[in-house]
Amino acid sequence: CAFFNCKSLKSVTIPDSVKTIGICAFDYCSSLES
């Protein structure tokens, strides 16, 4: 749930160093396009 309901979030850049993304991490990020 790190970014849960960040409803204006359009862009996220995540590097390959990230090995774990938890459940619901981007749940309800309704502006996220890609």
PDB file of all heavy atoms in Angstrom:
ATOM      1  N   CYS A   1       0.811  -1.236   0.000  1.00  0.00           N
ATOM      2  CA  CYS A   1       0.000   0.000   0.000  1.00  0.00           C
ATOM      3  C   CYS A   1       0.836   1.274   0.000  1.00  0.00           C
ATOM      4  O   CYS A   1       0.346   2.344   0.396  1.00  0.00           O
ATOM      5  CB  CYS A   1      -0.963   0.029   1.195  1.00  0.00           C
ATOM      6  SG  CYS A   1      -2.086  -1.361   1.280  1.00  0.00           S
ATOM      7  N   ALA A   2       2.081   1.190  -0.454  1.00  0.00           N
ATOM      8  CA  ALA A   2       2.994   2.336  -0.356  1.00  0.00           C
ATOM      9  C   ALA A   2       2.440   3.595  -1.012  1.00  0.00           C
ATOM     10  O   ALA A   2       2.624   4.705  -0.506  1.00  0.00           O
ATOM     11  CB  ALA A   2       4.346   1.983  -0.959  1.00  0.00           C
ATOM     12  N   PHE A   3       1.757   3.437  -2.155  1.00  0.00           N
ATOM     13  CA  PHE A   3       1.206   4.583  -2.890  1.00  0.00           C
ATOM     14  C   PHE A   3      -0.316   4.448  -3.047  1.00  0.00           C
ATOM     15  O   PHE A   3      -0.892   4.961  -3.997  1.00  0.00           O
ATOM     16  CB  PHE A   3       1.879   4.700  -4.255  1.00  0.00           C
ATOM     17  CG  PHE A   3       3.352   5.004  -4.168  1.00  0.00           C
ATOM     18  CD1 PHE A   3       4.287   3.977  -4.193  1.00  0.00           C
ATOM     19  CD2 PHE A   3       3.810   6.301  -4.040  1.00  0.00           C
ATOM     20  CE1 PHE A   3       5.644   4.237  -4.096  1.00  0.00           C
ATOM     21  CE2 PHE A   3       5.165   6.575  -3.941  1.00  0.00           C
ATOM     22  CZ  PHE A   3       6.086   5.543  -3.971  1.00  0.00           C
ATOM     23  N   PHE A   4      -0.941   3.807  -2.111  1.00  0.00           N
ATOM     24  CA  PHE A   4      -2.392   3.567  -2.162  1.00  0.00           C
ATOM     25  C   PHE A   4      -3.164   4.881  -2.311  1.00  0.00           C
ATOM     26  O   PHE A   4      -2.956   5.831  -1.576  1.00  0.00           O
ATOM     27  CB  PHE A   4      -2.834   2.854  -0.874  1.00  0.00           C
ATOM     28  CG  PHE A   4      -4.292   2.505  -0.825  1.00  0.00           C
ATOM     29  CD1 PHE A   4      -4.731   1.281  -1.265  1.00  0.00           C
ATOM     30  CD2 PHE A   4      -5.226   3.405  -0.329  1.00  0.00           C
ATOM     31  CE1 PHE A   4      -6.082   0.939  -1.206  1.00  0.00           C
ATOM     32  CE2 PHE A   4      -6.563   3.082  -0.274  1.00  0.00           C
ATOM     33  CZ  PHE A   4      -6.997   1.849  -0.714  1.00  0.00           C
ATOM     34  N   ASN A   5      -4.049   4.916  -3.310  1.00  0.00           N
ATOM     35  CA  ASN A   5      -4.949   6.057  -3.533  1.00  0.00           C
ATOM     36  C   ASN A   5      -4.212   7.378  -3.780  1.00  0.00           C
ATOM     37  O   ASN A   5      -4.698   8.443  -3.401  1.00  0.00           O
ATOM     38  CB  ASN A   5      -5.930   6.204  -2.375  1.00  0.00           C
ATOM     39  CG  ASN A   5      -7.187   6.964  -2.779  1.00  0.00           C
ATOM     40  OD1 ASN A   5      -7.755   6.713  -3.839  1.00  0.00           O
ATOM     41  ND2 ASN A   5      -7.624   7.885  -1.949  1.00  0.00           N
ATOM     42  N   CYS A   6      -3.052   7.295  -4.418  1.00  0.00           N
ATOM     43  CA  CYS A   6      -2.395   8.520  -4.906  1.00  0.00           C
ATOM     44  C   CYS A   6      -3.039   8.828  -6.259  1.00  0.00           C
ATOM     45  O   CYS A   6      -2.496   8.519  -7.327  1.00  0.00           O
ATOM     46  CB  CYS A   6      -0.888   8.301  -5.034  1.00  0.00           C
ATOM     47  SG  CYS A   6      -0.037   8.140  -3.454  1.00  0.00           S
ATOM     48  N   LYS A   7      -4.189   9.427  -6.214  1.00  0.00           N
ATOM     49  CA  LYS A   7      -5.052   9.494  -7.386  1.00  0.00           C
ATOM     50  C   LYS A   7      -4.578  10.476  -8.458  1.00  0.00           C
ATOM     51  O   LYS A   7      -5.103  10.460  -9.567  1.00  0.00           O
ATOM     52  CB  LYS A   7      -6.493   9.820  -6.975  1.00  0.00           C
ATOM     53  CG  LYS A   7      -6.685  11.169  -6.306  1.00  0.00           C
ATOM     54  CD  LYS A   7      -8.147  11.339  -5.897  1.00  0.00           C
ATOM     55  CE  LYS A   7      -8.412  12.699  -5.281  1.00  0.00           C
ATOM     56  NZ  LYS A   7      -9.834  12.836  -4.866  1.00  0.00           N
ATOM     57  N   SER A   8      -3.590  11.323  -8.156  1.00  0.00           N
ATOM     58  CA  SER A   8      -3.025  12.228  -9.170  1.00  0.00           C
ATOM     59  C   SER A   8      -1.722  11.708  -9.760  1.00  0.00           C
ATOM     60  O   SER A   8      -1.159  12.336 -10.659  1.00  0.00           O
ATOM     61  CB  SER A   8      -2.780  13.617  -8.557  1.00  0.00           C
ATOM     62  OG  SER A   8      -3.987  14.207  -8.129  1.00  0.00           O
ATOM     63  N   LEU A   9      -1.255  10.571  -9.266  1.00  0.00           N
ATOM     64  CA  LEU A   9       0.041  10.039  -9.684  1.00  0.00           C
ATOM     65  C   LEU A   9      -0.023   9.538 -11.127  1.00  0.00           C
ATOM     66  O   LEU A   9      -0.727   8.586 -11.433  1.00  0.00           O
ATOM     67  CB  LEU A   9       0.461   8.909  -8.747  1.00  0.00           C
ATOM     68  CG  LEU A   9       1.873   8.359  -8.902  1.00  0.00           C
ATOM     69  CD1 LEU A   9       2.911   9.426  -8.592  1.00  0.00           C
ATOM     70  CD2 LEU A   9       2.074   7.152  -7.990  1.00  0.00           C
ATOM     71  N   LYS A  10       0.728  10.195 -12.006  1.00  0.00           N
ATOM     72  CA  LYS A  10       0.742   9.847 -13.425  1.00  0.00           C
ATOM     73  C   LYS A  10       1.988   9.084 -13.840  1.00  0.00           C
ATOM     74  O   LYS A  10       1.960   8.310 -14.791  1.00  0.00           O
ATOM     75  CB  LYS A  10       0.626  11.114 -14.279  1.00  0.00           C
ATOM     76  CG  LYS A  10      -0.705  11.839 -14.165  1.00  0.00           C
ATOM     77  CD  LYS A  10      -0.745  13.042 -15.086  1.00  0.00           C
ATOM     78  CE  LYS A  10      -2.085  13.760 -15.002  1.00  0.00           C
ATOM     79  NZ  LYS A  10      -2.128  14.939 -15.904  1.00  0.00           N
ATOM     80  N   SER A  11       3.077   9.327 -13.132  1.00  0.00           N
ATOM     81  CA  SER A  11       4.360   8.780 -13.563  1.00  0.00           C
ATOM     82  C   SER A  11       5.155   8.251 -12.374  1.00  0.00           C
ATOM     83  O   SER A  11       5.302   8.946 -11.364  1.00  0.00           O
ATOM     84  CB  SER A  11       5.162   9.863 -14.291  1.00  0.00           C
ATOM     85  OG  SER A  11       6.456   9.434 -14.599  1.00  0.00           O
ATOM     86  N   VAL A  12       5.632   7.020 -12.514  1.00  0.00           N
ATOM     87  CA  VAL A  12       6.495   6.419 -11.504  1.00  0.00           C
ATOM     88  C   VAL A  12       7.673   5.780 -12.216  1.00  0.00           C
ATOM     89  O   VAL A  12       7.486   5.001 -13.153  1.00  0.00           O
ATOM     90  CB  VAL A  12       5.766   5.331 -10.686  1.00  0.00           C
ATOM     91  CG1 VAL A  12       6.692   4.761  -9.618  1.00  0.00           C
ATOM     92  CG2 VAL A  12       4.506   5.881 -10.049  1.00  0.00           C
ATOM     93  N   THR A  13       8.873   6.116 -11.795  1.00  0.00           N
ATOM     94  CA  THR A  13      10.075   5.488 -12.336  1.00  0.00           C
ATOM     95  C   THR A  13      10.684   4.616 -11.254  1.00  0.00           C
ATOM     96  O   THR A  13      11.055   5.103 -10.187  1.00  0.00           O
ATOM     97  CB  THR A  13      11.096   6.542 -12.799  1.00  0.00           C
ATOM     98  OG1 THR A  13      10.498   7.372 -13.801  1.00  0.00           O
ATOM     99  CG2 THR A  13      12.338   5.873 -13.380  1.00  0.00           C
ATOM    100  N   ILE A  14      10.753   3.312 -11.534  1.00  0.00           N
ATOM    101  CA  ILE A  14      11.259   2.358 -10.547  1.00  0.00           C
ATOM    102  C   ILE A  14      12.438   1.597 -11.148  1.00  0.00           C
ATOM    103  O   ILE A  14      12.309   0.993 -12.217  1.00  0.00           O
ATOM    104  CB  ILE A  14      10.151   1.374 -10.122  1.00  0.00           C
ATOM    105  CG1 ILE A  14       8.994   2.143  -9.478  1.00  0.00           C
ATOM    106  CG2 ILE A  14      10.689   0.333  -9.138  1.00  0.00           C
ATOM    107  CD1 ILE A  14       7.872   1.271  -8.983  1.00  0.00           C
ATOM    108  N   PRO A  15      13.582   1.601 -10.488  1.00  0.00           N
ATOM    109  CA  PRO A  15      14.779   0.952 -11.039  1.00  0.00           C
ATOM    110  C   PRO A  15      14.754  -0.565 -10.838  1.00  0.00           C
ATOM    111  O   PRO A  15      13.969  -1.104 -10.038  1.00  0.00           O
ATOM    112  CB  PRO A  15      15.910   1.581 -10.221  1.00  0.00           C
ATOM    113  CG  PRO A  15      15.276   1.862  -8.888  1.00  0.00           C
ATOM    114  CD  PRO A  15      13.863   2.265  -9.199  1.00  0.00           C
ATOM    115  N   ASP A  16      15.641  -1.252 -11.537  1.00  0.00           N
ATOM    116  CA  ASP A  16      15.737  -2.701 -11.422  1.00  0.00           C
ATOM    117  C   ASP A  16      16.304  -3.152 -10.080  1.00  0.00           C
ATOM    118  O   ASP A  16      16.278  -4.355  -9.770  1.00  0.00           O
ATOM    119  CB  ASP A  16      16.598  -3.268 -12.557  1.00  0.00           C
ATOM    120  CG  ASP A  16      15.885  -3.241 -13.900  1.00  0.00           C
ATOM    121  OD1 ASP A  16      14.657  -3.053 -13.916  1.00  0.00           O
ATOM    122  OD2 ASP A  16      16.565  -3.401 -14.934  1.00  0.00           O
ATOM    123  N   SER A  17      16.783  -2.206  -9.279  1.00  0.00           N
ATOM    124  CA  SER A  17      17.243  -2.565  -7.929  1.00  0.00           C
ATOM    125  C   SER A  17      16.093  -3.019  -7.045  1.00  0.00           C
ATOM    126  O   SER A  17      16.293  -3.755  -6.073  1.00  0.00           O
ATOM    127  CB  SER A  17      17.940  -1.365  -7.276  1.00  0.00           C
ATOM    128  OG  SER A  17      17.042  -0.267  -7.148  1.00  0.00           O
ATOM    129  N   VAL A  18      14.871  -2.603  -7.378  1.00  0.00           N
ATOM    130  CA  VAL A  18      13.695  -2.978  -6.578  1.00  0.00           C
ATOM    131  C   VAL A  18      13.343  -4.433  -6.876  1.00  0.00           C
ATOM    132  O   VAL A  18      13.050  -4.806  -8.007  1.00  0.00           O
ATOM    133  CB  VAL A  18      12.496  -2.058  -6.878  1.00  0.00           C
ATOM    134  CG1 VAL A  18      11.242  -2.552  -6.174  1.00  0.00           C
ATOM    135  CG2 VAL A  18      12.798  -0.628  -6.438  1.00  0.00           C
ATOM    136  N   LYS A  19      13.363  -5.253  -5.823  1.00  0.00           N
ATOM    137  CA  LYS A  19      13.097  -6.686  -5.977  1.00  0.00           C
ATOM    138  C   LYS A  19      11.745  -7.101  -5.382  1.00  0.00           C
ATOM    139  O   LYS A  19      11.270  -8.206  -5.659  1.00  0.00           O
ATOM    140  CB  LYS A  19      14.209  -7.505  -5.296  1.00  0.00           C
ATOM    141  CG  LYS A  19      15.611  -7.211  -5.818  1.00  0.00           C
ATOM    142  CD  LYS A  19      15.711  -7.380  -7.336  1.00  0.00           C
ATOM    143  CE  LYS A  19      17.106  -7.078  -7.848  1.00  0.00           C
ATOM    144  NZ  LYS A  19      17.165  -7.068  -9.331  1.00  0.00           N
ATOM    145  N   THR A  20      11.142  -6.219  -4.588  1.00  0.00           N
ATOM    146  CA  THR A  20       9.859  -6.534  -3.973  1.00  0.00           C
ATOM    147  C   THR A  20       8.938  -5.329  -4.056  1.00  0.00           C
ATOM    148  O   THR A  20       9.312  -4.228  -3.649  1.00  0.00           O
ATOM    149  CB  THR A  20      10.028  -6.930  -2.496  1.00  0.00           C
ATOM    150  OG1 THR A  20      10.913  -8.042  -2.394  1.00  0.00           O
ATOM    151  CG2 THR A  20       8.683  -7.302  -1.872  1.00  0.00           C
ATOM    152  N   ILE A  21       7.726  -5.553  -4.592  1.00  0.00           N
ATOM    153  CA  ILE A  21       6.661  -4.556  -4.562  1.00  0.00           C
ATOM    154  C   ILE A  21       5.481  -5.203  -3.862  1.00  0.00           C
ATOM    155  O   ILE A  21       4.973  -6.237  -4.288  1.00  0.00           O
ATOM    156  CB  ILE A  21       6.267  -4.092  -5.979  1.00  0.00           C
ATOM    157  CG1 ILE A  21       7.460  -3.416  -6.675  1.00  0.00           C
ATOM    158  CG2 ILE A  21       5.085  -3.128  -5.911  1.00  0.00           C
ATOM    159  CD1 ILE A  21       7.177  -3.008  -8.117  1.00  0.00           C
ATOM    160  N   GLY A  22       5.045  -4.604  -2.757  1.00  0.00           N
ATOM    161  CA  GLY A  22       4.024  -5.218  -1.929  1.00  0.00           C
ATOM    162  C   GLY A  22       2.632  -5.170  -2.523  1.00  0.00           C
ATOM    163  O   GLY A  22       2.370  -4.485  -3.521  1.00  0.00           O
ATOM    164  N   ILE A  23       1.724  -5.900  -1.889  1.00  0.00           N
ATOM    165  CA  ILE A  23       0.336  -5.921  -2.335  1.00  0.00           C
ATOM    166  C   ILE A  23      -0.271  -4.524  -2.219  1.00  0.00           C
ATOM    167  O   ILE A  23       0.107  -3.729  -1.353  1.00  0.00           O
ATOM    168  CB  ILE A  23      -0.502  -6.944  -1.548  1.00  0.00           C
ATOM    169  CG1 ILE A  23      -0.571  -6.580  -0.058  1.00  0.00           C
ATOM    170  CG2 ILE A  23       0.043  -8.350  -1.718  1.00  0.00           C
ATOM    171  CD1 ILE A  23      -1.562  -7.418   0.729  1.00  0.00           C
ATOM    172  N   CYS A  24      -1.182  -4.239  -3.110  1.00  0.00           N
ATOM    173  CA  CYS A  24      -1.918  -2.958  -3.103  1.00  0.00           C
ATOM    174  C   CYS A  24      -1.013  -1.739  -3.232  1.00  0.00           C
ATOM    175  O   CYS A  24      -1.423  -0.621  -2.909  1.00  0.00           O
ATOM    176  CB  CYS A  24      -2.765  -2.811  -1.830  1.00  0.00           C
ATOM    177  SG  CYS A  24      -3.952  -4.130  -1.550  1.00  0.00           S
ATOM    178  N   ALA A  25       0.201  -1.927  -3.723  1.00  0.00           N
ATOM    179  CA  ALA A  25       1.177  -0.829  -3.725  1.00  0.00           C
ATOM    180  C   ALA A  25       0.702   0.391  -4.494  1.00  0.00           C
ATOM    181  O   ALA A  25       0.964   1.535  -4.086  1.00  0.00           O
ATOM    182  CB  ALA A  25       2.515  -1.311  -4.285  1.00  0.00           C
ATOM    183  N   PHE A  26      -0.006   0.161  -5.607  1.00  0.00           N
ATOM    184  CA  PHE A  26      -0.504   1.271  -6.429  1.00  0.00           C
ATOM    185  C   PHE A  26      -2.026   1.204  -6.589  1.00  0.00           C
ATOM    186  O   PHE A  26      -2.586   1.743  -7.544  1.00  0.00           O
ATOM    187  CB  PHE A  26       0.205   1.266  -7.796  1.00  0.00           C
ATOM    188  CG  PHE A  26       1.686   1.487  -7.694  1.00  0.00           C
ATOM    189  CD1 PHE A  26       2.563   0.413  -7.639  1.00  0.00           C
ATOM    190  CD2 PHE A  26       2.199   2.771  -7.600  1.00  0.00           C
ATOM    191  CE1 PHE A  26       3.929   0.617  -7.513  1.00  0.00           C
ATOM    192  CE2 PHE A  26       3.570   2.986  -7.470  1.00  0.00           C
ATOM    193  CZ  PHE A  26       4.433   1.903  -7.427  1.00  0.00           C
ATOM    194  N   ASP A  27      -2.659   0.586  -5.647  1.00  0.00           N
ATOM    195  CA  ASP A  27      -4.117   0.445  -5.620  1.00  0.00           C
ATOM    196  C   ASP A  27      -4.787   1.817  -5.702  1.00  0.00           C
ATOM    197  O   ASP A  27      -4.418   2.742  -4.979  1.00  0.00           O
ATOM    198  CB  ASP A  27      -4.490  -0.242  -4.296  1.00  0.00           C
ATOM    199  CG  ASP A  27      -5.853  -0.888  -4.307  1.00  0.00           C
ATOM    200  OD1 ASP A  27      -6.684  -0.509  -5.141  1.00  0.00           O
ATOM    201  OD2 ASP A  27      -6.084  -1.770  -3.457  1.00  0.00           O
ATOM    202  N   TYR A  28      -5.736   1.950  -6.612  1.00  0.00           N
ATOM    203  CA  TYR A  28      -6.506   3.184  -6.796  1.00  0.00           C
ATOM    204  C   TYR A  28      -5.655   4.381  -7.235  1.00  0.00           C
ATOM    205  O   TYR A  28      -6.028   5.533  -6.973  1.00  0.00           O
ATOM    206  CB  TYR A  28      -7.304   3.537  -5.540  1.00  0.00           C
ATOM    207  CG  TYR A  28      -8.506   2.654  -5.327  1.00  0.00           C
ATOM    208  CD1 TYR A  28      -8.483   1.643  -4.365  1.00  0.00           C
ATOM    209  CD2 TYR A  28      -9.660   2.814  -6.084  1.00  0.00           C
ATOM    210  CE1 TYR A  28      -9.579   0.818  -4.161  1.00  0.00           C
ATOM    211  CE2 TYR A  28     -10.765   1.993  -5.898  1.00  0.00           C
ATOM    212  CZ  TYR A  28     -10.716   1.000  -4.938  1.00  0.00           C
ATOM    213  OH  TYR A  28     -11.806   0.178  -4.742  1.00  0.00           O
ATOM    214  N   CYS A  29      -4.537   4.142  -7.885  1.00  0.00           N
ATOM    215  CA  CYS A  29      -3.787   5.240  -8.518  1.00  0.00           C
ATOM    216  C   CYS A  29      -4.443   5.491  -9.878  1.00  0.00           C
ATOM    217  O   CYS A  29      -3.958   5.044 -10.923  1.00  0.00           O
ATOM    218  CB  CYS A  29      -2.307   4.885  -8.656  1.00  0.00           C
ATOM    219  SG  CYS A  29      -1.426   4.842  -7.088  1.00  0.00           S
ATOM    220  N   SER A  30      -5.524   6.210  -9.859  1.00  0.00           N
ATOM    221  CA  SER A  30      -6.425   6.279 -11.010  1.00  0.00           C
ATOM    222  C   SER A  30      -5.915   7.145 -12.158  1.00  0.00           C
ATOM    223  O   SER A  30      -6.509   7.141 -13.242  1.00  0.00           O
ATOM    224  CB  SER A  30      -7.803   6.778 -10.565  1.00  0.00           C
ATOM    225  OG  SER A  30      -7.707   8.023  -9.908  1.00  0.00           O
ATOM    226  N   SER A  31      -4.816   7.876 -11.963  1.00  0.00           N
ATOM    227  CA  SER A  31      -4.231   8.680 -13.049  1.00  0.00           C
ATOM    228  C   SER A  31      -3.005   8.033 -13.671  1.00  0.00           C
ATOM    229  O   SER A  31      -2.480   8.532 -14.666  1.00  0.00           O
ATOM    230  CB  SER A  31      -3.859  10.081 -12.535  1.00  0.00           C
ATOM    231  OG  SER A  31      -4.995  10.801 -12.130  1.00  0.00           O
ATOM    232  N   LEU A  32      -2.551   6.935 -13.101  1.00  0.00           N
ATOM    233  CA  LEU A  32      -1.344   6.262 -13.594  1.00  0.00           C
ATOM    234  C   LEU A  32      -1.594   5.693 -14.993  1.00  0.00           C
ATOM    235  O   LEU A  32      -2.515   4.904 -15.193  1.00  0.00           O
ATOM    236  CB  LEU A  32      -0.953   5.146 -12.622  1.00  0.00           C
ATOM    237  CG  LEU A  32       0.411   4.488 -12.797  1.00  0.00           C
ATOM    238  CD1 LEU A  32       1.523   5.509 -12.611  1.00  0.00           C
ATOM    239  CD2 LEU A  32       0.565   3.342 -11.811  1.00  0.00           C
ATOM    240  N   GLU A  33      -0.772   6.113 -15.963  1.00  0.00           N
ATOM    241  CA  GLU A  33      -1.026   5.779 -17.358  1.00  0.00           C
ATOM    242  C   GLU A  33      -0.164   4.638 -17.891  1.00  0.00           C
ATOM    243  O   GLU A  33      -0.577   3.908 -18.792  1.00  0.00           O
ATOM    244  CB  GLU A  33      -0.835   7.012 -18.234  1.00  0.00           C
ATOM    245  CG  GLU A  33      -1.842   8.124 -17.929  1.00  0.00           C
ATOM    246  CD  GLU A  33      -1.620   9.367 -18.754  1.00  0.00           C
ATOM    247  OE1 GLU A  33      -0.580   9.444 -19.427  1.00  0.00           O
ATOM    248  OE2 GLU A  33      -2.471  10.263 -18.713  1.00  0.00           O
ATOM    249  N   SER A  34       1.043   4.502 -17.378  1.00  0.00           N
ATOM    250  CA  SER A  34       1.921   3.424 -17.837  1.00  0.00           C
ATOM    251  C   SER A  34       2.824   2.996 -16.694  1.00  0.00           C
ATOM    252  O   SER A  34       3.057   3.764 -15.754  1.00  0.00           O
ATOM    253  CB  SER A  34       2.756   3.851 -19.050  1.00  0.00           C
ATOM    254  OG  SER A  34       3.648   4.884 -18.699  1.00  0.00           O
TER     255      SER A  34
END
